[in-house]
């Protein structure tokens, strides 16, 4: 309960950053920075699945409202939150996750965090870009765009871990 105000503040801050800064960063229509997905990545391990899905949906819906994207971000973030428990189980450390820890670089190391971030961000970007295209005829173009944007967004997220999220 005492973490809720910090998550609300993080939600608002990430929405503002995405709308005013990261939505304006685009490299030749191939690389887009969707930094706001860090909100879902850094949710605690013990969050109830329903709460995680609702938080992801409302984060995506808020971005949709300001980006005029008609539910694309809501679908992508909800899908990302839906696969998160599977990904966490798939990449779990041998001694499993500590109860009070968060999925951050400082707790689990660079290798674990980069793998987790790359998989989760790719799921988000893959869903988002294919919903945006809404056709399979441009599969390779869209797939390449998803990979490039995943790498760029993941780089920003990992760098943010070094600067803003410390123990």
N, C-alpha and C. Protein backbone atom coordinates (compact mmCIF):
# COMPACT_ATOMS: atom_id res chain seq x y z
N UNK A 1 0.81 -1.20 0.00
CA UNK A 1 0.00 0.00 0.00
C UNK A 1 0.86 1.26 0.00
N UNK A 2 1.99 1.23 0.69
CA UNK A 2 2.81 2.43 0.78
C UNK A 2 3.56 2.71 -0.52
N UNK A 3 3.57 1.76 -1.47
CA UNK A 3 4.23 1.97 -2.75
C UNK A 3 3.32 2.62 -3.79
N UNK A 4 2.03 2.65 -3.55
CA UNK A 4 1.07 3.15 -4.54
C UNK A 4 1.32 4.61 -4.93
N UNK A 5 1.55 5.54 -3.99
CA UNK A 5 1.83 6.92 -4.42
C UNK A 5 3.06 7.05 -5.32
N UNK A 6 4.10 6.25 -5.05
CA UNK A 6 5.29 6.33 -5.90
C UNK A 6 5.00 5.79 -7.31
N UNK A 7 4.14 4.77 -7.41
CA UNK A 7 3.78 4.26 -8.73
C UNK A 7 2.87 5.22 -9.48
N UNK A 8 2.01 5.92 -8.78
CA UNK A 8 1.18 6.94 -9.43
C UNK A 8 2.05 8.07 -9.97
N UNK A 9 3.00 8.50 -9.17
CA UNK A 9 3.93 9.55 -9.60
C UNK A 9 4.75 9.08 -10.80
N UNK A 10 5.23 7.85 -10.76
CA UNK A 10 6.00 7.29 -11.87
C UNK A 10 5.13 7.21 -13.13
N UNK A 11 3.87 6.82 -12.98
CA UNK A 11 2.92 6.75 -14.09
C UNK A 11 2.80 8.12 -14.77
N UNK A 12 2.53 9.15 -13.97
CA UNK A 12 2.35 10.50 -14.51
C UNK A 12 3.63 11.00 -15.16
N UNK A 13 4.75 10.80 -14.51
CA UNK A 13 6.04 11.26 -15.05
C UNK A 13 6.36 10.57 -16.38
N UNK A 14 6.15 9.27 -16.45
CA UNK A 14 6.45 8.55 -17.69
C UNK A 14 5.51 8.95 -18.82
N UNK A 15 4.24 9.20 -18.50
CA UNK A 15 3.32 9.67 -19.55
C UNK A 15 3.77 11.03 -20.07
N UNK A 16 4.14 11.93 -19.19
CA UNK A 16 4.60 13.25 -19.62
C UNK A 16 5.89 13.17 -20.45
N UNK A 17 6.83 12.34 -20.01
CA UNK A 17 8.07 12.15 -20.77
C UNK A 17 7.79 11.58 -22.16
N UNK A 18 6.90 10.61 -22.22
CA UNK A 18 6.58 9.99 -23.51
C UNK A 18 5.91 10.99 -24.44
N UNK A 19 4.96 11.75 -23.92
CA UNK A 19 4.21 12.67 -24.77
C UNK A 19 5.06 13.83 -25.26
N UNK A 20 5.81 14.43 -24.36
CA UNK A 20 6.52 15.65 -24.71
C UNK A 20 7.93 15.44 -25.24
N UNK A 21 8.55 14.32 -24.94
CA UNK A 21 9.93 14.11 -25.40
C UNK A 21 10.02 12.93 -26.36
N UNK A 22 9.68 11.74 -25.90
CA UNK A 22 9.95 10.54 -26.69
C UNK A 22 9.06 10.38 -27.91
N UNK A 23 7.86 10.93 -27.91
CA UNK A 23 7.04 10.89 -29.12
C UNK A 23 7.62 11.75 -30.24
N UNK A 24 8.51 12.66 -29.89
CA UNK A 24 9.13 13.54 -30.89
C UNK A 24 10.47 13.00 -31.38
N UNK A 25 10.91 11.87 -30.84
CA UNK A 25 12.15 11.25 -31.29
C UNK A 25 11.79 10.15 -32.27
N UNK A 26 12.23 10.32 -33.51
CA UNK A 26 11.96 9.33 -34.53
C UNK A 26 13.07 9.42 -35.57
N UNK A 27 13.64 8.29 -35.91
CA UNK A 27 14.72 8.25 -36.89
C UNK A 27 14.22 7.55 -38.15
N UNK A 28 14.01 8.31 -39.19
CA UNK A 28 13.59 7.85 -40.52
C UNK A 28 12.45 6.83 -40.48
N UNK A 29 11.53 7.04 -39.59
CA UNK A 29 10.33 6.20 -39.45
C UNK A 29 10.64 4.74 -39.15
N UNK A 30 11.87 4.45 -38.74
CA UNK A 30 12.24 3.09 -38.36
C UNK A 30 12.41 2.93 -36.87
N UNK A 31 12.91 3.95 -36.22
CA UNK A 31 13.22 3.84 -34.79
C UNK A 31 12.33 4.80 -34.01
N UNK A 32 11.53 4.23 -33.13
CA UNK A 32 10.68 5.00 -32.24
C UNK A 32 11.04 4.63 -30.81
N UNK A 33 11.06 5.62 -29.94
CA UNK A 33 11.36 5.37 -28.53
C UNK A 33 10.06 5.35 -27.73
N UNK A 34 9.74 4.19 -27.18
CA UNK A 34 8.58 4.05 -26.31
C UNK A 34 9.06 3.72 -24.90
N UNK A 35 9.59 4.74 -24.27
CA UNK A 35 10.22 4.61 -22.95
C UNK A 35 9.21 4.29 -21.86
N UNK A 36 7.96 4.63 -22.06
CA UNK A 36 6.95 4.45 -21.02
C UNK A 36 6.76 3.00 -20.61
N UNK A 37 7.21 2.04 -21.43
CA UNK A 37 7.03 0.63 -21.09
C UNK A 37 7.84 0.23 -19.86
N UNK A 38 8.77 1.07 -19.45
CA UNK A 38 9.54 0.80 -18.24
C UNK A 38 8.61 0.70 -17.02
N UNK A 39 7.46 1.35 -17.10
CA UNK A 39 6.48 1.27 -16.01
C UNK A 39 6.07 -0.18 -15.77
N UNK A 40 5.79 -0.91 -16.82
CA UNK A 40 5.37 -2.31 -16.69
C UNK A 40 6.56 -3.19 -16.32
N UNK A 41 7.71 -2.89 -16.89
CA UNK A 41 8.91 -3.68 -16.59
C UNK A 41 9.27 -3.65 -15.11
N UNK A 42 9.08 -2.51 -14.47
CA UNK A 42 9.53 -2.34 -13.09
C UNK A 42 8.45 -2.57 -12.04
N UNK A 43 7.31 -3.09 -12.45
CA UNK A 43 6.30 -3.43 -11.45
C UNK A 43 6.83 -4.56 -10.57
N UNK A 44 6.45 -4.59 -9.31
CA UNK A 44 6.98 -5.62 -8.40
C UNK A 44 6.56 -7.03 -8.81
N UNK A 45 7.36 -7.99 -8.39
CA UNK A 45 7.08 -9.39 -8.70
C UNK A 45 5.77 -9.86 -8.09
N UNK A 46 5.43 -9.33 -6.91
CA UNK A 46 4.27 -9.83 -6.18
C UNK A 46 2.97 -9.09 -6.50
N UNK A 47 2.96 -8.28 -7.54
CA UNK A 47 1.73 -7.57 -7.90
C UNK A 47 0.72 -8.59 -8.44
N UNK A 48 -0.53 -8.48 -8.01
CA UNK A 48 -1.56 -9.39 -8.54
C UNK A 48 -1.71 -9.22 -10.06
N UNK A 49 -1.96 -10.32 -10.73
CA UNK A 49 -2.04 -10.31 -12.19
C UNK A 49 -3.10 -9.33 -12.70
N UNK A 50 -4.24 -9.28 -12.05
CA UNK A 50 -5.31 -8.36 -12.46
C UNK A 50 -4.86 -6.91 -12.34
N UNK A 51 -4.21 -6.58 -11.25
CA UNK A 51 -3.72 -5.21 -11.06
C UNK A 51 -2.67 -4.85 -12.11
N UNK A 52 -1.81 -5.81 -12.44
CA UNK A 52 -0.79 -5.56 -13.45
C UNK A 52 -1.43 -5.32 -14.82
N UNK A 53 -2.40 -6.14 -15.17
CA UNK A 53 -3.07 -5.97 -16.46
C UNK A 53 -3.83 -4.65 -16.53
N UNK A 54 -4.49 -4.27 -15.44
CA UNK A 54 -5.20 -2.99 -15.42
C UNK A 54 -4.24 -1.81 -15.50
N UNK A 55 -3.15 -1.88 -14.77
CA UNK A 55 -2.16 -0.80 -14.81
C UNK A 55 -1.57 -0.65 -16.22
N UNK A 56 -1.27 -1.77 -16.85
CA UNK A 56 -0.73 -1.73 -18.20
C UNK A 56 -1.76 -1.18 -19.19
N UNK A 57 -3.00 -1.63 -19.06
CA UNK A 57 -4.05 -1.14 -19.94
C UNK A 57 -4.23 0.37 -19.80
N UNK A 58 -4.29 0.86 -18.56
CA UNK A 58 -4.48 2.30 -18.37
C UNK A 58 -3.27 3.11 -18.79
N UNK A 59 -2.08 2.56 -18.65
CA UNK A 59 -0.89 3.25 -19.16
C UNK A 59 -0.98 3.37 -20.68
N UNK A 60 -1.28 2.28 -21.34
CA UNK A 60 -1.41 2.32 -22.80
C UNK A 60 -2.55 3.20 -23.27
N UNK A 61 -3.67 3.15 -22.57
CA UNK A 61 -4.82 3.98 -22.93
C UNK A 61 -4.51 5.47 -22.76
N UNK A 62 -3.77 5.81 -21.73
CA UNK A 62 -3.38 7.20 -21.52
C UNK A 62 -2.47 7.68 -22.65
N UNK A 63 -1.52 6.85 -23.04
CA UNK A 63 -0.65 7.21 -24.17
C UNK A 63 -1.48 7.32 -25.44
N UNK A 64 -2.44 6.43 -25.62
CA UNK A 64 -3.32 6.50 -26.79
C UNK A 64 -4.11 7.80 -26.84
N UNK A 65 -4.60 8.24 -25.70
CA UNK A 65 -5.39 9.47 -25.67
C UNK A 65 -4.58 10.67 -26.13
N UNK A 66 -3.31 10.71 -25.76
CA UNK A 66 -2.47 11.85 -26.12
C UNK A 66 -1.79 11.68 -27.48
N UNK A 67 -1.74 10.46 -27.97
CA UNK A 67 -1.06 10.20 -29.25
C UNK A 67 -2.03 9.98 -30.39
N UNK A 68 -3.33 9.91 -30.09
CA UNK A 68 -4.37 9.70 -31.10
C UNK A 68 -4.12 8.39 -31.87
N UNK A 69 -3.91 7.31 -31.11
CA UNK A 69 -3.60 6.03 -31.73
C UNK A 69 -4.68 4.97 -31.53
N UNK A 70 -5.83 5.32 -31.02
CA UNK A 70 -7.02 4.47 -31.00
C UNK A 70 -6.84 3.08 -30.39
N UNK A 71 -6.19 2.98 -29.26
CA UNK A 71 -6.11 1.72 -28.54
C UNK A 71 -4.93 0.84 -28.88
N UNK A 72 -4.06 1.27 -29.78
CA UNK A 72 -2.92 0.43 -30.16
C UNK A 72 -1.96 0.24 -28.99
N UNK A 73 -1.65 1.30 -28.28
CA UNK A 73 -0.75 1.20 -27.13
C UNK A 73 -1.40 0.41 -26.00
N UNK A 74 -2.70 0.58 -25.82
CA UNK A 74 -3.40 -0.18 -24.78
C UNK A 74 -3.32 -1.67 -25.06
N UNK A 75 -3.49 -2.05 -26.31
CA UNK A 75 -3.40 -3.47 -26.67
C UNK A 75 -1.98 -3.99 -26.49
N UNK A 76 -1.00 -3.22 -26.92
CA UNK A 76 0.39 -3.66 -26.82
C UNK A 76 0.86 -3.76 -25.38
N UNK A 77 0.51 -2.79 -24.55
CA UNK A 77 0.94 -2.84 -23.15
C UNK A 77 0.21 -3.93 -22.38
N UNK A 78 -1.05 -4.16 -22.71
CA UNK A 78 -1.78 -5.25 -22.05
C UNK A 78 -1.20 -6.60 -22.45
N UNK A 79 -0.85 -6.77 -23.70
CA UNK A 79 -0.20 -8.00 -24.15
C UNK A 79 1.14 -8.18 -23.45
N UNK A 80 1.88 -7.10 -23.33
CA UNK A 80 3.18 -7.14 -22.64
C UNK A 80 3.01 -7.59 -21.19
N UNK A 81 2.02 -7.03 -20.51
CA UNK A 81 1.77 -7.41 -19.12
C UNK A 81 1.27 -8.85 -19.02
N UNK A 82 0.54 -9.29 -20.02
CA UNK A 82 0.02 -10.66 -20.02
C UNK A 82 1.13 -11.69 -20.11
N UNK A 83 2.15 -11.43 -20.91
CA UNK A 83 3.25 -12.39 -21.07
C UNK A 83 4.34 -12.22 -20.02
N UNK A 84 4.29 -11.15 -19.24
CA UNK A 84 5.34 -10.88 -18.25
C UNK A 84 5.57 -12.04 -17.28
N UNK A 85 4.54 -12.64 -16.66
CA UNK A 85 4.81 -13.75 -15.74
C UNK A 85 5.50 -14.94 -16.43
N UNK A 86 5.16 -15.20 -17.67
CA UNK A 86 5.78 -16.30 -18.41
C UNK A 86 7.26 -15.99 -18.66
N UNK A 87 7.54 -14.77 -19.06
CA UNK A 87 8.92 -14.36 -19.31
C UNK A 87 9.72 -14.40 -18.02
N UNK A 88 9.15 -13.91 -16.93
CA UNK A 88 9.85 -13.93 -15.65
C UNK A 88 10.15 -15.36 -15.19
N UNK A 89 9.22 -16.27 -15.44
CA UNK A 89 9.45 -17.67 -15.07
C UNK A 89 10.53 -18.27 -15.96
N UNK A 90 10.52 -17.91 -17.22
CA UNK A 90 11.45 -18.44 -18.20
C UNK A 90 12.89 -18.00 -17.90
N UNK A 91 13.08 -16.78 -17.43
CA UNK A 91 14.43 -16.26 -17.19
C UNK A 91 14.77 -16.17 -15.70
N UNK A 92 14.03 -16.86 -14.86
CA UNK A 92 14.25 -16.73 -13.42
C UNK A 92 15.62 -17.26 -13.01
N UNK A 93 16.24 -16.60 -12.04
CA UNK A 93 17.51 -17.09 -11.52
C UNK A 93 17.32 -18.41 -10.79
N UNK A 94 18.38 -19.12 -10.57
CA UNK A 94 18.31 -20.45 -9.92
C UNK A 94 17.68 -20.39 -8.54
N UNK A 95 18.01 -19.36 -7.78
CA UNK A 95 17.48 -19.25 -6.43
C UNK A 95 16.12 -18.54 -6.38
N UNK A 96 15.52 -18.32 -7.54
CA UNK A 96 14.23 -17.66 -7.68
C UNK A 96 14.31 -16.19 -7.26
N UNK A 97 13.21 -15.50 -7.35
CA UNK A 97 13.19 -14.07 -7.07
C UNK A 97 12.99 -13.82 -5.58
N UNK A 98 13.66 -12.79 -5.07
CA UNK A 98 13.46 -12.40 -3.68
C UNK A 98 12.12 -11.70 -3.55
N UNK A 99 11.44 -11.91 -2.45
CA UNK A 99 10.08 -11.40 -2.26
C UNK A 99 10.04 -9.87 -2.33
N UNK A 100 10.93 -9.19 -1.65
CA UNK A 100 10.88 -7.73 -1.57
C UNK A 100 11.66 -7.02 -2.66
N UNK A 101 12.21 -7.75 -3.62
CA UNK A 101 13.02 -7.11 -4.65
C UNK A 101 12.16 -6.68 -5.83
N UNK A 102 12.74 -5.85 -6.64
CA UNK A 102 12.09 -5.37 -7.85
C UNK A 102 12.89 -5.86 -9.05
N UNK A 103 12.28 -5.97 -10.22
CA UNK A 103 13.02 -6.42 -11.40
C UNK A 103 13.90 -5.31 -11.98
N UNK A 104 14.98 -5.02 -11.29
CA UNK A 104 15.88 -3.94 -11.72
C UNK A 104 17.28 -4.49 -11.97
N UNK A 105 18.07 -3.69 -12.63
CA UNK A 105 19.45 -4.04 -12.92
C UNK A 105 20.26 -4.19 -11.64
N UNK A 106 20.01 -3.37 -10.64
CA UNK A 106 20.77 -3.41 -9.41
C UNK A 106 20.54 -4.70 -8.62
N UNK A 107 19.36 -5.26 -8.69
CA UNK A 107 19.05 -6.49 -7.94
C UNK A 107 19.53 -7.74 -8.67
N UNK A 108 19.37 -7.80 -9.98
CA UNK A 108 19.59 -9.04 -10.71
C UNK A 108 20.71 -8.99 -11.73
N UNK A 109 21.38 -7.88 -11.88
CA UNK A 109 22.54 -7.79 -12.75
C UNK A 109 22.21 -7.40 -14.18
N UNK A 110 23.25 -7.02 -14.87
CA UNK A 110 23.11 -6.50 -16.23
C UNK A 110 22.60 -7.56 -17.21
N UNK A 111 23.15 -8.75 -17.15
CA UNK A 111 22.76 -9.79 -18.11
C UNK A 111 21.28 -10.14 -17.97
N UNK A 112 20.83 -10.36 -16.75
CA UNK A 112 19.43 -10.69 -16.53
C UNK A 112 18.53 -9.55 -16.98
N UNK A 113 18.87 -8.32 -16.59
CA UNK A 113 18.01 -7.18 -16.89
C UNK A 113 17.95 -6.89 -18.38
N UNK A 114 19.07 -7.00 -19.07
CA UNK A 114 19.06 -6.76 -20.52
C UNK A 114 18.22 -7.82 -21.23
N UNK A 115 18.35 -9.08 -20.84
CA UNK A 115 17.53 -10.13 -21.44
C UNK A 115 16.05 -9.91 -21.20
N UNK A 116 15.70 -9.60 -19.97
CA UNK A 116 14.32 -9.32 -19.60
C UNK A 116 13.77 -8.15 -20.39
N UNK A 117 14.53 -7.08 -20.45
CA UNK A 117 14.10 -5.87 -21.16
C UNK A 117 13.93 -6.13 -22.65
N UNK A 118 14.90 -6.80 -23.26
CA UNK A 118 14.81 -7.05 -24.70
C UNK A 118 13.58 -7.88 -25.06
N UNK A 119 13.32 -8.92 -24.30
CA UNK A 119 12.17 -9.78 -24.60
C UNK A 119 10.87 -9.01 -24.42
N UNK A 120 10.73 -8.34 -23.29
CA UNK A 120 9.48 -7.64 -23.00
C UNK A 120 9.23 -6.48 -23.96
N UNK A 121 10.25 -5.70 -24.25
CA UNK A 121 10.09 -4.57 -25.16
C UNK A 121 9.80 -5.06 -26.57
N UNK A 122 10.44 -6.17 -26.97
CA UNK A 122 10.15 -6.72 -28.29
C UNK A 122 8.69 -7.16 -28.41
N UNK A 123 8.17 -7.79 -27.38
CA UNK A 123 6.75 -8.20 -27.40
C UNK A 123 5.87 -6.97 -27.60
N UNK A 124 6.15 -5.91 -26.84
CA UNK A 124 5.36 -4.67 -26.96
C UNK A 124 5.45 -4.10 -28.37
N UNK A 125 6.68 -3.94 -28.87
CA UNK A 125 6.87 -3.30 -30.17
C UNK A 125 6.31 -4.16 -31.31
N UNK A 126 6.49 -5.47 -31.23
CA UNK A 126 5.97 -6.35 -32.26
C UNK A 126 4.45 -6.20 -32.36
N UNK A 127 3.77 -6.27 -31.23
CA UNK A 127 2.31 -6.13 -31.23
C UNK A 127 1.90 -4.73 -31.71
N UNK A 128 2.55 -3.71 -31.19
CA UNK A 128 2.21 -2.33 -31.54
C UNK A 128 2.37 -2.07 -33.04
N UNK A 129 3.50 -2.44 -33.60
CA UNK A 129 3.76 -2.14 -35.01
C UNK A 129 2.91 -2.97 -35.96
N UNK A 130 2.59 -4.21 -35.57
CA UNK A 130 1.73 -5.00 -36.44
C UNK A 130 0.28 -4.56 -36.35
N UNK A 131 -0.14 -4.07 -35.20
CA UNK A 131 -1.48 -3.48 -35.13
C UNK A 131 -1.53 -2.20 -35.96
N UNK A 132 -0.45 -1.44 -35.91
CA UNK A 132 -0.38 -0.20 -36.68
C UNK A 132 -0.42 -0.48 -38.18
N UNK A 133 0.34 -1.46 -38.65
CA UNK A 133 0.36 -1.81 -40.07
C UNK A 133 -0.92 -2.52 -40.49
N UNK A 134 -1.34 -3.46 -39.68
CA UNK A 134 -2.56 -4.25 -39.87
C UNK A 134 -2.59 -5.00 -41.19
N UNK A 135 -1.41 -5.44 -41.62
CA UNK A 135 -1.33 -6.32 -42.79
C UNK A 135 -0.01 -7.07 -42.73
N UNK A 136 -0.03 -8.27 -43.26
CA UNK A 136 1.17 -9.11 -43.23
C UNK A 136 2.04 -8.94 -44.45
N UNK A 137 1.59 -8.15 -45.43
CA UNK A 137 2.37 -7.98 -46.65
C UNK A 137 3.68 -7.24 -46.40
N UNK A 138 3.73 -6.40 -45.38
CA UNK A 138 4.96 -5.68 -45.03
C UNK A 138 5.62 -6.30 -43.81
N UNK A 139 5.57 -7.62 -43.71
CA UNK A 139 6.06 -8.31 -42.52
C UNK A 139 7.51 -7.96 -42.21
N UNK A 140 8.39 -8.09 -43.19
CA UNK A 140 9.82 -7.90 -42.93
C UNK A 140 10.15 -6.45 -42.60
N UNK A 141 9.50 -5.53 -43.25
CA UNK A 141 9.69 -4.11 -42.95
C UNK A 141 9.26 -3.82 -41.51
N UNK A 142 8.10 -4.31 -41.13
CA UNK A 142 7.58 -4.08 -39.79
C UNK A 142 8.41 -4.81 -38.74
N UNK A 143 8.83 -6.02 -39.05
CA UNK A 143 9.67 -6.79 -38.13
C UNK A 143 11.01 -6.08 -37.90
N UNK A 144 11.61 -5.58 -38.98
CA UNK A 144 12.87 -4.84 -38.88
C UNK A 144 12.67 -3.57 -38.05
N UNK A 145 11.58 -2.90 -38.26
CA UNK A 145 11.26 -1.70 -37.48
C UNK A 145 11.08 -2.04 -35.99
N UNK A 146 10.42 -3.17 -35.71
CA UNK A 146 10.24 -3.60 -34.32
C UNK A 146 11.58 -3.91 -33.67
N UNK A 147 12.48 -4.55 -34.39
CA UNK A 147 13.79 -4.89 -33.84
C UNK A 147 14.60 -3.63 -33.57
N UNK A 148 14.66 -2.71 -34.52
CA UNK A 148 15.43 -1.48 -34.32
C UNK A 148 14.87 -0.65 -33.17
N UNK A 149 13.57 -0.52 -33.10
CA UNK A 149 12.95 0.24 -32.02
C UNK A 149 13.14 -0.45 -30.67
N UNK A 150 13.12 -1.78 -30.67
CA UNK A 150 13.37 -2.53 -29.45
C UNK A 150 14.78 -2.26 -28.93
N UNK A 151 15.74 -2.30 -29.83
CA UNK A 151 17.12 -2.06 -29.41
C UNK A 151 17.30 -0.64 -28.86
N UNK A 152 16.70 0.35 -29.52
CA UNK A 152 16.84 1.73 -29.07
C UNK A 152 16.12 1.95 -27.74
N UNK A 153 14.90 1.48 -27.63
CA UNK A 153 14.14 1.64 -26.39
C UNK A 153 14.82 0.90 -25.25
N UNK A 154 15.30 -0.30 -25.51
CA UNK A 154 15.99 -1.08 -24.46
C UNK A 154 17.26 -0.39 -24.01
N UNK A 155 17.99 0.20 -24.95
CA UNK A 155 19.19 0.96 -24.58
C UNK A 155 18.84 2.11 -23.65
N UNK A 156 17.78 2.84 -23.96
CA UNK A 156 17.35 3.95 -23.09
C UNK A 156 16.94 3.44 -21.71
N UNK A 157 16.25 2.32 -21.66
CA UNK A 157 15.79 1.77 -20.38
C UNK A 157 16.98 1.31 -19.53
N UNK A 158 17.93 0.62 -20.16
CA UNK A 158 19.11 0.16 -19.41
C UNK A 158 19.93 1.35 -18.92
N UNK A 159 20.10 2.36 -19.75
CA UNK A 159 20.83 3.55 -19.31
C UNK A 159 20.12 4.25 -18.17
N UNK A 160 18.80 4.26 -18.20
CA UNK A 160 18.05 4.89 -17.10
C UNK A 160 18.27 4.16 -15.78
N UNK A 161 18.52 2.87 -15.86
CA UNK A 161 18.78 2.10 -14.64
C UNK A 161 20.07 2.56 -13.97
N UNK A 162 21.04 2.95 -14.75
CA UNK A 162 22.31 3.42 -14.19
C UNK A 162 22.17 4.81 -13.57
N UNK A 163 21.27 5.64 -14.13
CA UNK A 163 21.18 7.02 -13.66
C UNK A 163 20.11 7.26 -12.61
N UNK A 164 18.96 6.60 -12.72
CA UNK A 164 17.82 6.96 -11.88
C UNK A 164 17.39 5.93 -10.86
N UNK A 165 17.62 4.67 -11.13
CA UNK A 165 17.11 3.63 -10.25
C UNK A 165 18.28 2.95 -9.54
N UNK A 166 18.50 3.37 -8.34
CA UNK A 166 19.58 2.80 -7.54
C UNK A 166 19.00 2.21 -6.27
N UNK A 167 19.74 1.31 -5.64
CA UNK A 167 19.30 0.73 -4.37
C UNK A 167 19.25 1.80 -3.29
